[in-house]
């Protein structure tokens, strides 16, 4: 049986991950085309809708998405009620505590906070985002380690096995550093 070079195996994995990411993005874009269903447009409480959108960090431009979705019914959003509700909801979203959680969970920030709250929000959000990125790095290195271990198990060639073991040792060192960084950043959040 002919051996597949390691770099080709990584290319296949990367290609498959790229396809999955593209599919996920297409699904997200299609689902976000209509911000509200026909039924939601017909029964909308625009104060509540604004509050919900503000609470989840939607930018004010989300009102235009609703306007486009509801134009098919035809329903016209009440701008004043929506904005009043969003202004209340955004105050709950733009707290440092929420910002930290948004960052740790890897959620995007959509430039939704008012200028007077944005600085404190972004400080906390960026700390949380560092933890998220460190966690993603650990997961990626764990995945690479598992792949190398599987390759080692399947490999018959003595020289290739030696090479894979060396690669695995180097990866283990890198993984240990990434785990240390992740733990350090997590501790920083608690202090």
N, C-alpha and C. Protein backbone atom coordinates (compact mmCIF):
# COMPACT_ATOMS: atom_id res chain seq x y z
N UNK A 1 0.84 -1.19 0.00
CA UNK A 1 0.00 0.00 0.00
C UNK A 1 0.88 1.25 0.00
N UNK A 2 0.56 2.20 -0.85
CA UNK A 2 1.35 3.42 -0.99
C UNK A 2 1.01 4.40 0.12
N UNK A 3 2.03 5.01 0.72
CA UNK A 3 1.85 5.98 1.80
C UNK A 3 1.54 7.36 1.23
N UNK A 4 0.64 8.06 1.88
CA UNK A 4 0.31 9.43 1.51
C UNK A 4 1.19 10.36 2.34
N UNK A 5 1.92 11.27 1.68
CA UNK A 5 2.75 12.20 2.46
C UNK A 5 1.90 13.00 3.44
N UNK A 6 2.51 13.29 4.57
CA UNK A 6 1.80 13.97 5.65
C UNK A 6 1.23 15.31 5.19
N UNK A 7 1.99 16.07 4.42
CA UNK A 7 1.49 17.39 4.01
C UNK A 7 0.24 17.27 3.15
N UNK A 8 0.13 16.19 2.37
CA UNK A 8 -1.08 15.99 1.58
C UNK A 8 -2.27 15.69 2.47
N UNK A 9 -2.01 14.91 3.52
CA UNK A 9 -3.10 14.61 4.47
C UNK A 9 -3.59 15.89 5.13
N UNK A 10 -2.67 16.78 5.48
CA UNK A 10 -3.07 18.05 6.09
C UNK A 10 -3.85 18.91 5.10
N UNK A 11 -3.45 18.88 3.82
CA UNK A 11 -4.18 19.64 2.81
C UNK A 11 -5.61 19.14 2.67
N UNK A 12 -5.78 17.82 2.70
CA UNK A 12 -7.13 17.25 2.60
C UNK A 12 -7.97 17.69 3.79
N UNK A 13 -7.39 17.63 5.00
CA UNK A 13 -8.12 18.06 6.20
C UNK A 13 -8.46 19.54 6.11
N UNK A 14 -7.49 20.36 5.70
CA UNK A 14 -7.73 21.80 5.59
C UNK A 14 -8.81 22.09 4.55
N UNK A 15 -8.77 21.35 3.43
CA UNK A 15 -9.78 21.54 2.39
C UNK A 15 -11.17 21.20 2.91
N UNK A 16 -11.28 20.10 3.64
CA UNK A 16 -12.57 19.71 4.20
C UNK A 16 -13.07 20.72 5.22
N UNK A 17 -12.16 21.23 6.06
CA UNK A 17 -12.55 22.25 7.03
C UNK A 17 -13.00 23.52 6.32
N UNK A 18 -12.33 23.87 5.22
CA UNK A 18 -12.72 25.04 4.44
C UNK A 18 -14.11 24.89 3.86
N UNK A 19 -14.42 23.70 3.37
CA UNK A 19 -15.76 23.45 2.84
C UNK A 19 -16.82 23.55 3.92
N UNK A 20 -16.50 23.01 5.11
CA UNK A 20 -17.46 23.08 6.21
C UNK A 20 -17.69 24.53 6.64
N UNK A 21 -16.61 25.31 6.68
CA UNK A 21 -16.74 26.72 7.06
C UNK A 21 -17.58 27.48 6.04
N UNK A 22 -17.36 27.19 4.76
CA UNK A 22 -18.14 27.85 3.71
C UNK A 22 -19.62 27.49 3.82
N UNK A 23 -19.90 26.22 4.06
CA UNK A 23 -21.29 25.78 4.21
C UNK A 23 -21.94 26.45 5.42
N UNK A 24 -21.21 26.53 6.54
CA UNK A 24 -21.75 27.17 7.74
C UNK A 24 -22.02 28.64 7.49
N UNK A 25 -21.12 29.32 6.78
CA UNK A 25 -21.29 30.75 6.50
C UNK A 25 -22.49 30.96 5.57
N UNK A 26 -22.63 30.11 4.57
CA UNK A 26 -23.78 30.23 3.66
C UNK A 26 -25.09 30.04 4.41
N UNK A 27 -25.12 29.06 5.30
CA UNK A 27 -26.32 28.82 6.10
C UNK A 27 -26.63 30.03 6.97
N UNK A 28 -25.61 30.60 7.59
CA UNK A 28 -25.79 31.78 8.43
C UNK A 28 -26.32 32.95 7.61
N UNK A 29 -25.74 33.17 6.44
CA UNK A 29 -26.17 34.29 5.61
C UNK A 29 -27.61 34.10 5.13
N UNK A 30 -27.96 32.89 4.74
CA UNK A 30 -29.32 32.65 4.29
C UNK A 30 -30.32 32.83 5.43
N UNK A 31 -29.94 32.38 6.62
CA UNK A 31 -30.86 32.50 7.76
C UNK A 31 -31.00 33.94 8.22
N UNK A 32 -29.99 34.78 7.93
CA UNK A 32 -30.06 36.16 8.38
C UNK A 32 -30.71 37.07 7.34
N UNK A 33 -31.05 36.53 6.16
CA UNK A 33 -31.67 37.36 5.13
C UNK A 33 -32.99 37.94 5.61
N UNK A 34 -33.82 37.14 6.19
CA UNK A 34 -35.10 37.60 6.72
C UNK A 34 -34.97 37.69 8.23
N UNK A 35 -34.89 38.91 8.71
CA UNK A 35 -34.70 39.10 10.15
C UNK A 35 -35.94 38.74 10.95
N UNK A 36 -37.10 38.78 10.29
CA UNK A 36 -38.36 38.45 10.95
C UNK A 36 -39.26 37.70 9.97
N UNK A 37 -40.05 36.79 10.51
CA UNK A 37 -41.01 36.06 9.67
C UNK A 37 -42.25 36.93 9.44
N UNK A 38 -43.09 36.48 8.54
CA UNK A 38 -44.35 37.18 8.26
C UNK A 38 -45.17 37.32 9.53
N UNK A 39 -45.29 36.23 10.28
CA UNK A 39 -46.07 36.24 11.52
C UNK A 39 -45.48 37.21 12.54
N UNK A 40 -44.15 37.21 12.64
CA UNK A 40 -43.51 38.13 13.59
C UNK A 40 -43.77 39.58 13.20
N UNK A 41 -43.73 39.86 11.91
CA UNK A 41 -43.99 41.23 11.45
C UNK A 41 -45.42 41.67 11.78
N UNK A 42 -46.36 40.75 11.60
CA UNK A 42 -47.76 41.09 11.82
C UNK A 42 -48.08 41.29 13.29
N UNK A 43 -47.36 40.64 14.18
CA UNK A 43 -47.66 40.72 15.62
C UNK A 43 -46.59 41.46 16.40
N UNK A 44 -45.68 42.14 15.70
CA UNK A 44 -44.52 42.75 16.36
C UNK A 44 -44.90 43.82 17.37
N UNK A 45 -44.26 43.74 18.52
CA UNK A 45 -44.25 44.82 19.50
C UNK A 45 -42.89 45.46 19.31
N UNK A 46 -42.84 46.61 18.67
CA UNK A 46 -41.57 47.19 18.25
C UNK A 46 -40.71 47.63 19.41
N UNK A 47 -41.32 47.96 20.53
CA UNK A 47 -40.55 48.28 21.73
C UNK A 47 -39.81 47.03 22.21
N UNK A 48 -40.52 45.91 22.28
CA UNK A 48 -39.90 44.65 22.70
C UNK A 48 -38.85 44.17 21.71
N UNK A 49 -39.14 44.32 20.41
CA UNK A 49 -38.18 43.88 19.39
C UNK A 49 -36.90 44.70 19.50
N UNK A 50 -37.03 45.98 19.69
CA UNK A 50 -35.87 46.84 19.87
C UNK A 50 -35.07 46.45 21.10
N UNK A 51 -35.79 46.15 22.20
CA UNK A 51 -35.11 45.74 23.42
C UNK A 51 -34.32 44.45 23.19
N UNK A 52 -34.97 43.45 22.56
CA UNK A 52 -34.28 42.17 22.30
C UNK A 52 -33.05 42.37 21.42
N UNK A 53 -33.20 43.18 20.39
CA UNK A 53 -32.06 43.43 19.51
C UNK A 53 -30.93 44.15 20.24
N UNK A 54 -31.29 45.12 21.05
CA UNK A 54 -30.27 45.82 21.83
C UNK A 54 -29.59 44.89 22.81
N UNK A 55 -30.38 44.07 23.47
CA UNK A 55 -29.85 43.13 24.48
C UNK A 55 -28.87 42.13 23.88
N UNK A 56 -29.04 41.81 22.59
CA UNK A 56 -28.13 40.86 21.93
C UNK A 56 -27.02 41.57 21.14
N UNK A 57 -26.94 42.89 21.27
CA UNK A 57 -25.84 43.63 20.63
C UNK A 57 -26.01 43.86 19.15
N UNK A 58 -27.24 43.86 18.68
CA UNK A 58 -27.48 44.14 17.27
C UNK A 58 -27.27 45.64 17.02
N UNK A 59 -26.65 46.00 15.91
CA UNK A 59 -26.48 47.43 15.61
C UNK A 59 -27.82 48.05 15.23
N UNK A 60 -27.89 49.34 15.26
CA UNK A 60 -29.12 50.05 14.93
C UNK A 60 -29.57 49.74 13.50
N UNK A 61 -28.63 49.38 12.64
CA UNK A 61 -28.98 49.04 11.26
C UNK A 61 -29.87 47.79 11.18
N UNK A 62 -30.02 47.07 12.27
CA UNK A 62 -30.91 45.90 12.29
C UNK A 62 -32.35 46.32 12.01
N UNK A 63 -32.69 47.54 12.35
CA UNK A 63 -34.03 48.06 12.07
C UNK A 63 -34.30 48.03 10.56
N UNK A 64 -33.28 48.34 9.76
CA UNK A 64 -33.45 48.30 8.30
C UNK A 64 -33.68 46.87 7.82
N UNK A 65 -33.03 45.88 8.48
CA UNK A 65 -33.27 44.47 8.14
C UNK A 65 -34.73 44.12 8.41
N UNK A 66 -35.25 44.58 9.55
CA UNK A 66 -36.65 44.33 9.89
C UNK A 66 -37.59 45.03 8.90
N UNK A 67 -37.23 46.25 8.51
CA UNK A 67 -38.04 47.00 7.56
C UNK A 67 -38.14 46.23 6.24
N UNK A 68 -37.00 45.70 5.78
CA UNK A 68 -36.98 44.94 4.52
C UNK A 68 -37.78 43.64 4.65
N UNK A 69 -37.64 42.95 5.79
CA UNK A 69 -38.36 41.69 5.99
C UNK A 69 -39.86 41.93 6.07
N UNK A 70 -40.26 43.01 6.71
CA UNK A 70 -41.69 43.27 6.93
C UNK A 70 -42.35 43.98 5.75
N UNK A 71 -41.56 44.50 4.82
CA UNK A 71 -42.13 45.18 3.66
C UNK A 71 -42.94 44.22 2.80
N UNK A 72 -42.63 42.94 2.88
CA UNK A 72 -43.33 41.93 2.09
C UNK A 72 -44.75 41.70 2.59
N UNK A 73 -45.05 42.11 3.84
CA UNK A 73 -46.33 41.76 4.46
C UNK A 73 -47.48 42.69 4.04
N UNK A 74 -47.54 43.92 3.92
CA UNK A 74 -46.61 44.97 4.27
C UNK A 74 -46.87 45.52 5.69
N UNK A 75 -45.79 45.59 6.46
CA UNK A 75 -45.83 46.19 7.80
C UNK A 75 -44.66 47.15 7.88
N UNK A 76 -44.90 48.30 8.47
CA UNK A 76 -43.83 49.30 8.63
C UNK A 76 -43.47 49.35 10.12
N UNK A 77 -42.21 49.11 10.46
CA UNK A 77 -41.80 49.18 11.86
C UNK A 77 -42.00 50.57 12.45
N UNK A 78 -42.30 50.61 13.73
CA UNK A 78 -42.41 51.88 14.44
C UNK A 78 -41.01 52.24 14.92
N UNK A 79 -40.36 53.13 14.20
CA UNK A 79 -38.97 53.50 14.47
C UNK A 79 -38.78 54.00 15.90
N UNK A 80 -39.67 54.87 16.35
CA UNK A 80 -39.52 55.47 17.68
C UNK A 80 -39.57 54.42 18.78
N UNK A 81 -40.56 53.51 18.70
CA UNK A 81 -40.66 52.46 19.72
C UNK A 81 -39.46 51.52 19.65
N UNK A 82 -39.06 51.16 18.44
CA UNK A 82 -37.92 50.26 18.28
C UNK A 82 -36.66 50.87 18.89
N UNK A 83 -36.39 52.12 18.56
CA UNK A 83 -35.19 52.79 19.07
C UNK A 83 -35.24 52.94 20.58
N UNK A 84 -36.41 53.26 21.12
CA UNK A 84 -36.57 53.36 22.59
C UNK A 84 -36.24 52.02 23.25
N UNK A 85 -36.78 50.93 22.71
CA UNK A 85 -36.50 49.61 23.26
C UNK A 85 -35.05 49.22 23.11
N UNK A 86 -34.47 49.51 21.95
CA UNK A 86 -33.07 49.16 21.72
C UNK A 86 -32.15 49.91 22.67
N UNK A 87 -32.46 51.18 22.92
CA UNK A 87 -31.63 51.96 23.85
C UNK A 87 -31.64 51.36 25.25
N UNK A 88 -32.74 50.77 25.65
CA UNK A 88 -32.81 50.10 26.97
C UNK A 88 -32.03 48.78 26.93
N UNK A 89 -32.22 48.01 25.87
CA UNK A 89 -31.55 46.72 25.75
C UNK A 89 -30.05 46.84 25.61
N UNK A 90 -29.60 47.86 24.88
CA UNK A 90 -28.17 48.00 24.64
C UNK A 90 -27.41 48.32 25.93
N UNK A 91 -28.10 48.94 26.88
CA UNK A 91 -27.46 49.21 28.18
C UNK A 91 -27.13 47.92 28.91
N UNK A 92 -27.94 46.89 28.73
CA UNK A 92 -27.65 45.59 29.34
C UNK A 92 -26.57 44.85 28.58
N UNK A 93 -26.51 45.03 27.29
CA UNK A 93 -25.49 44.36 26.48
C UNK A 93 -24.11 44.98 26.71
N UNK A 94 -24.03 46.28 26.81
CA UNK A 94 -22.75 46.99 26.82
C UNK A 94 -22.10 47.09 28.19
N UNK A 95 -22.32 46.11 29.04
CA UNK A 95 -21.66 46.08 30.35
C UNK A 95 -20.34 45.32 30.22
N UNK A 96 -19.36 45.65 31.06
CA UNK A 96 -18.10 44.91 31.03
C UNK A 96 -18.30 43.41 31.32
N UNK A 97 -19.23 43.08 32.20
CA UNK A 97 -19.48 41.67 32.53
C UNK A 97 -19.97 40.90 31.30
N UNK A 98 -20.92 41.50 30.58
CA UNK A 98 -21.43 40.87 29.37
C UNK A 98 -20.35 40.83 28.29
N UNK A 99 -19.58 41.90 28.20
CA UNK A 99 -18.50 41.96 27.19
C UNK A 99 -17.52 40.82 27.39
N UNK A 100 -17.17 40.55 28.63
CA UNK A 100 -16.25 39.46 28.94
C UNK A 100 -16.82 38.13 28.45
N UNK A 101 -18.09 37.89 28.73
CA UNK A 101 -18.73 36.65 28.29
C UNK A 101 -18.81 36.56 26.77
N UNK A 102 -19.12 37.66 26.13
CA UNK A 102 -19.18 37.68 24.66
C UNK A 102 -17.81 37.31 24.07
N UNK A 103 -16.76 37.88 24.65
CA UNK A 103 -15.41 37.58 24.17
C UNK A 103 -15.01 36.15 24.42
N UNK A 104 -15.26 35.64 25.63
CA UNK A 104 -14.89 34.26 25.99
C UNK A 104 -15.62 33.27 25.09
N UNK A 105 -16.83 33.59 24.69
CA UNK A 105 -17.60 32.70 23.83
C UNK A 105 -17.29 32.90 22.35
N UNK A 106 -16.41 33.85 22.04
CA UNK A 106 -15.98 34.06 20.66
C UNK A 106 -17.00 34.73 19.77
N UNK A 107 -17.95 35.40 20.37
CA UNK A 107 -18.98 36.07 19.57
C UNK A 107 -18.42 37.37 18.98
N UNK A 108 -18.89 37.75 17.81
CA UNK A 108 -18.40 38.99 17.20
C UNK A 108 -19.01 40.21 17.87
N UNK A 109 -18.27 41.29 17.89
CA UNK A 109 -18.79 42.57 18.35
C UNK A 109 -19.16 43.37 17.10
N UNK A 110 -20.35 43.91 17.08
CA UNK A 110 -20.88 44.58 15.88
C UNK A 110 -20.90 46.10 16.00
N UNK A 111 -20.01 46.65 16.79
CA UNK A 111 -19.94 48.11 16.97
C UNK A 111 -21.28 48.68 17.38
N UNK A 112 -21.93 48.04 18.33
CA UNK A 112 -23.29 48.42 18.72
C UNK A 112 -23.34 49.34 19.93
N UNK A 113 -22.31 49.39 20.73
CA UNK A 113 -22.36 50.16 21.98
C UNK A 113 -22.21 51.66 21.72
N UNK A 114 -22.92 52.45 22.51
CA UNK A 114 -22.74 53.91 22.41
C UNK A 114 -21.32 54.29 22.85
N UNK A 115 -20.84 55.41 22.35
CA UNK A 115 -19.46 55.84 22.58
C UNK A 115 -19.10 55.86 24.07
N UNK A 116 -20.02 56.30 24.91
CA UNK A 116 -19.70 56.42 26.34
C UNK A 116 -19.54 55.07 27.04
N UNK A 117 -20.04 53.99 26.45
CA UNK A 117 -19.92 52.65 27.04
C UNK A 117 -18.91 51.76 26.30
N UNK A 118 -18.56 52.18 25.11
CA UNK A 118 -17.76 51.29 24.25
C UNK A 118 -16.36 51.02 24.78
N UNK A 119 -15.69 51.99 25.34
CA UNK A 119 -14.32 51.79 25.80
C UNK A 119 -14.25 50.70 26.86
N UNK A 120 -15.08 50.81 27.89
CA UNK A 120 -15.08 49.79 28.96
C UNK A 120 -15.51 48.43 28.41
N UNK A 121 -16.48 48.45 27.50
CA UNK A 121 -16.94 47.20 26.88
C UNK A 121 -15.79 46.53 26.14
N UNK A 122 -15.08 47.29 25.32
CA UNK A 122 -14.01 46.71 24.50
C UNK A 122 -12.84 46.22 25.34
N UNK A 123 -12.54 46.89 26.43
CA UNK A 123 -11.46 46.40 27.31
C UNK A 123 -11.79 45.00 27.82
N UNK A 124 -13.00 44.83 28.31
CA UNK A 124 -13.41 43.52 28.83
C UNK A 124 -13.57 42.51 27.70
N UNK A 125 -14.14 42.94 26.59
CA UNK A 125 -14.36 42.04 25.45
C UNK A 125 -13.03 41.48 24.94
N UNK A 126 -12.04 42.35 24.81
CA UNK A 126 -10.74 41.91 24.31
C UNK A 126 -10.05 40.92 25.25
N UNK A 127 -10.22 41.11 26.55
CA UNK A 127 -9.69 40.13 27.50
C UNK A 127 -10.36 38.77 27.31
N UNK A 128 -11.68 38.79 27.17
CA UNK A 128 -12.41 37.56 26.93
C UNK A 128 -12.02 36.92 25.61
N UNK A 129 -11.83 37.74 24.60
CA UNK A 129 -11.46 37.22 23.27
C UNK A 129 -10.08 36.56 23.31
N UNK A 130 -9.16 37.09 24.13
CA UNK A 130 -7.84 36.45 24.29
C UNK A 130 -7.99 35.05 24.85
N UNK A 131 -8.86 34.89 25.83
CA UNK A 131 -9.10 33.56 26.42
C UNK A 131 -9.69 32.64 25.35
N UNK A 132 -10.63 33.15 24.59
CA UNK A 132 -11.25 32.35 23.53
C UNK A 132 -10.20 31.88 22.52
N UNK A 133 -9.35 32.79 22.08
CA UNK A 133 -8.31 32.44 21.10
C UNK A 133 -7.33 31.43 21.67
N UNK A 134 -6.97 31.60 22.94
CA UNK A 134 -6.06 30.64 23.58
C UNK A 134 -6.71 29.26 23.66
N UNK A 135 -7.99 29.22 23.97
CA UNK A 135 -8.71 27.95 24.04
C UNK A 135 -8.77 27.29 22.65
N UNK A 136 -9.02 28.10 21.63
CA UNK A 136 -9.06 27.58 20.26
C UNK A 136 -7.70 27.02 19.85
N UNK A 137 -6.62 27.69 20.28
CA UNK A 137 -5.28 27.21 19.97
C UNK A 137 -5.03 25.86 20.62
N UNK A 138 -5.45 25.70 21.87
CA UNK A 138 -5.29 24.41 22.57
C UNK A 138 -6.08 23.33 21.83
N UNK A 139 -7.30 23.63 21.44
CA UNK A 139 -8.11 22.64 20.73
C UNK A 139 -7.49 22.26 19.39
N UNK A 140 -6.96 23.24 18.67
CA UNK A 140 -6.33 22.96 17.39
C UNK A 140 -5.10 22.07 17.57
N UNK A 141 -4.28 22.38 18.56
CA UNK A 141 -3.08 21.58 18.81
C UNK A 141 -3.45 20.17 19.29
N UNK A 142 -4.49 20.05 20.10
CA UNK A 142 -4.97 18.72 20.51
C UNK A 142 -5.38 17.91 19.28
N UNK A 143 -6.07 18.53 18.37
CA UNK A 143 -6.51 17.85 17.15
C UNK A 143 -5.31 17.40 16.32
N UNK A 144 -4.34 18.28 16.17
CA UNK A 144 -3.12 17.92 15.42
C UNK A 144 -2.40 16.77 16.10
N UNK A 145 -2.36 16.79 17.43
CA UNK A 145 -1.70 15.73 18.18
C UNK A 145 -2.39 14.39 17.94
N UNK A 146 -3.72 14.39 17.99
CA UNK A 146 -4.47 13.15 17.73
C UNK A 146 -4.20 12.62 16.32
N UNK A 147 -4.14 13.53 15.36
CA UNK A 147 -3.87 13.12 13.98
C UNK A 147 -2.47 12.50 13.85
N UNK A 148 -1.50 13.13 14.50
CA UNK A 148 -0.14 12.58 14.46
C UNK A 148 -0.07 11.21 15.14
N UNK A 149 -0.77 11.08 16.25
CA UNK A 149 -0.79 9.78 16.94
C UNK A 149 -1.41 8.70 16.06
N UNK A 150 -2.47 9.04 15.36
CA UNK A 150 -3.09 8.07 14.45
C UNK A 150 -2.16 7.72 13.30
N UNK A 151 -1.44 8.70 12.78
CA UNK A 151 -0.47 8.44 11.72
C UNK A 151 0.64 7.52 12.22
N UNK A 152 1.07 7.75 13.45
CA UNK A 152 2.13 6.92 14.03
C UNK A 152 1.68 5.47 14.17
N UNK A 153 0.44 5.28 14.59
CA UNK A 153 -0.09 3.93 14.75
C UNK A 153 -0.14 3.21 13.40
N UNK A 154 -0.49 3.92 12.35
CA UNK A 154 -0.64 3.30 11.03
C UNK A 154 0.69 3.12 10.30
N UNK A 155 1.71 3.87 10.71
CA UNK A 155 2.98 3.89 9.98
C UNK A 155 3.80 2.63 10.25
N UNK A 156 4.34 2.05 9.17
CA UNK A 156 5.18 0.86 9.28
C UNK A 156 6.67 1.19 9.13
N UNK A 157 6.97 2.21 8.37
CA UNK A 157 8.36 2.57 8.09
C UNK A 157 9.03 3.12 9.35
N UNK A 158 10.18 2.52 9.69
CA UNK A 158 10.90 2.86 10.93
C UNK A 158 11.34 4.33 10.93
N UNK A 159 11.88 4.81 9.81
CA UNK A 159 12.35 6.21 9.74
C UNK A 159 11.19 7.19 9.82
N UNK A 160 10.09 6.85 9.17
CA UNK A 160 8.91 7.71 9.23
C UNK A 160 8.33 7.73 10.64
N UNK A 161 8.35 6.59 11.32
CA UNK A 161 7.86 6.52 12.70
C UNK A 161 8.72 7.41 13.61
N UNK A 162 10.03 7.36 13.41
CA UNK A 162 10.94 8.19 14.21
C UNK A 162 10.63 9.67 13.96
N UNK A 163 10.42 10.01 12.69
CA UNK A 163 10.08 11.39 12.34
C UNK A 163 8.76 11.81 13.00
N UNK A 164 7.76 10.95 12.94
CA UNK A 164 6.45 11.27 13.54
C UNK A 164 6.56 11.42 15.05
N UNK A 165 7.36 10.57 15.69
CA UNK A 165 7.54 10.70 17.16
C UNK A 165 8.20 12.04 17.51
N UNK A 166 9.18 12.46 16.72
CA UNK A 166 9.84 13.74 16.96
C UNK A 166 8.83 14.88 16.77
N UNK A 167 8.02 14.80 15.71
CA UNK A 167 6.99 15.81 15.47
C UNK A 167 6.00 15.86 16.65
N UNK A 168 5.65 14.69 17.14
CA UNK A 168 4.70 14.59 18.24
C UNK A 168 5.29 15.21 19.52
N UNK A 169 6.57 14.96 19.78
CA UNK A 169 7.22 15.57 20.96
C UNK A 169 7.21 17.10 20.86
N UNK A 170 7.57 17.59 19.67
CA UNK A 170 7.57 19.05 19.48
C UNK A 170 6.17 19.63 19.66
N UNK A 171 5.19 18.93 19.13
CA UNK A 171 3.81 19.37 19.27
C UNK A 171 3.36 19.33 20.73
N UNK A 172 3.80 18.32 21.46
CA UNK A 172 3.47 18.24 22.89
C UNK A 172 4.03 19.43 23.66
N UNK A 173 5.25 19.87 23.31
CA UNK A 173 5.82 21.06 23.97
C UNK A 173 4.99 22.29 23.63
N UNK A 174 4.64 22.41 22.37
CA UNK A 174 3.83 23.55 21.95
C UNK A 174 2.46 23.54 22.63
N UNK A 175 1.89 22.35 22.75
CA UNK A 175 0.59 22.20 23.41
C UNK A 175 0.69 22.57 24.88
N UNK A 176 1.76 22.17 25.53
CA UNK A 176 1.94 22.53 26.94
C UNK A 176 2.03 24.05 27.11
N UNK A 177 2.78 24.71 26.22
CA UNK A 177 2.87 26.18 26.29
C UNK A 177 1.50 26.82 26.06
N UNK A 178 0.75 26.28 25.11
CA UNK A 178 -0.59 26.83 24.83
C UNK A 178 -1.52 26.63 26.02
N UNK A 179 -1.44 25.47 26.66
CA UNK A 179 -2.28 25.23 27.85
C UNK A 179 -1.89 26.17 28.98
N UNK A 180 -0.59 26.40 29.16
CA UNK A 180 -0.13 27.33 30.20
C UNK A 180 -0.65 28.74 29.93
N UNK A 181 -0.58 29.15 28.67
CA UNK A 181 -1.08 30.48 28.29
C UNK A 181 -2.58 30.59 28.57
N UNK A 182 -3.32 29.56 28.21
CA UNK A 182 -4.76 29.54 28.43
C UNK A 182 -5.08 29.64 29.93
N UNK A 183 -4.40 28.84 30.74
CA UNK A 183 -4.63 28.89 32.19
C UNK A 183 -4.27 30.26 32.77
N UNK A 184 -3.17 30.83 32.29
CA UNK A 184 -2.75 32.16 32.75
C UNK A 184 -3.84 33.20 32.43
N UNK A 185 -4.34 33.18 31.20
CA UNK A 185 -5.36 34.16 30.81
C UNK A 185 -6.65 33.96 31.59
N UNK A 186 -7.02 32.71 31.84
CA UNK A 186 -8.20 32.45 32.66
C UNK A 186 -8.04 33.00 34.07
N UNK A 187 -6.85 32.79 34.65
CA UNK A 187 -6.60 33.33 36.00
C UNK A 187 -6.68 34.84 36.01
N UNK A 188 -6.18 35.48 34.94
CA UNK A 188 -6.24 36.94 34.84
C UNK A 188 -7.69 37.44 34.88
N UNK A 189 -8.59 36.67 34.31
CA UNK A 189 -9.99 37.08 34.32
C UNK A 189 -10.58 37.04 35.72
N UNK A 190 -10.14 36.08 36.50
CA UNK A 190 -10.69 35.93 37.86
C UNK A 190 -10.10 36.95 38.83
N UNK A 191 -8.94 37.48 38.52
CA UNK A 191 -8.29 38.44 39.44
C UNK A 191 -8.83 39.84 39.29
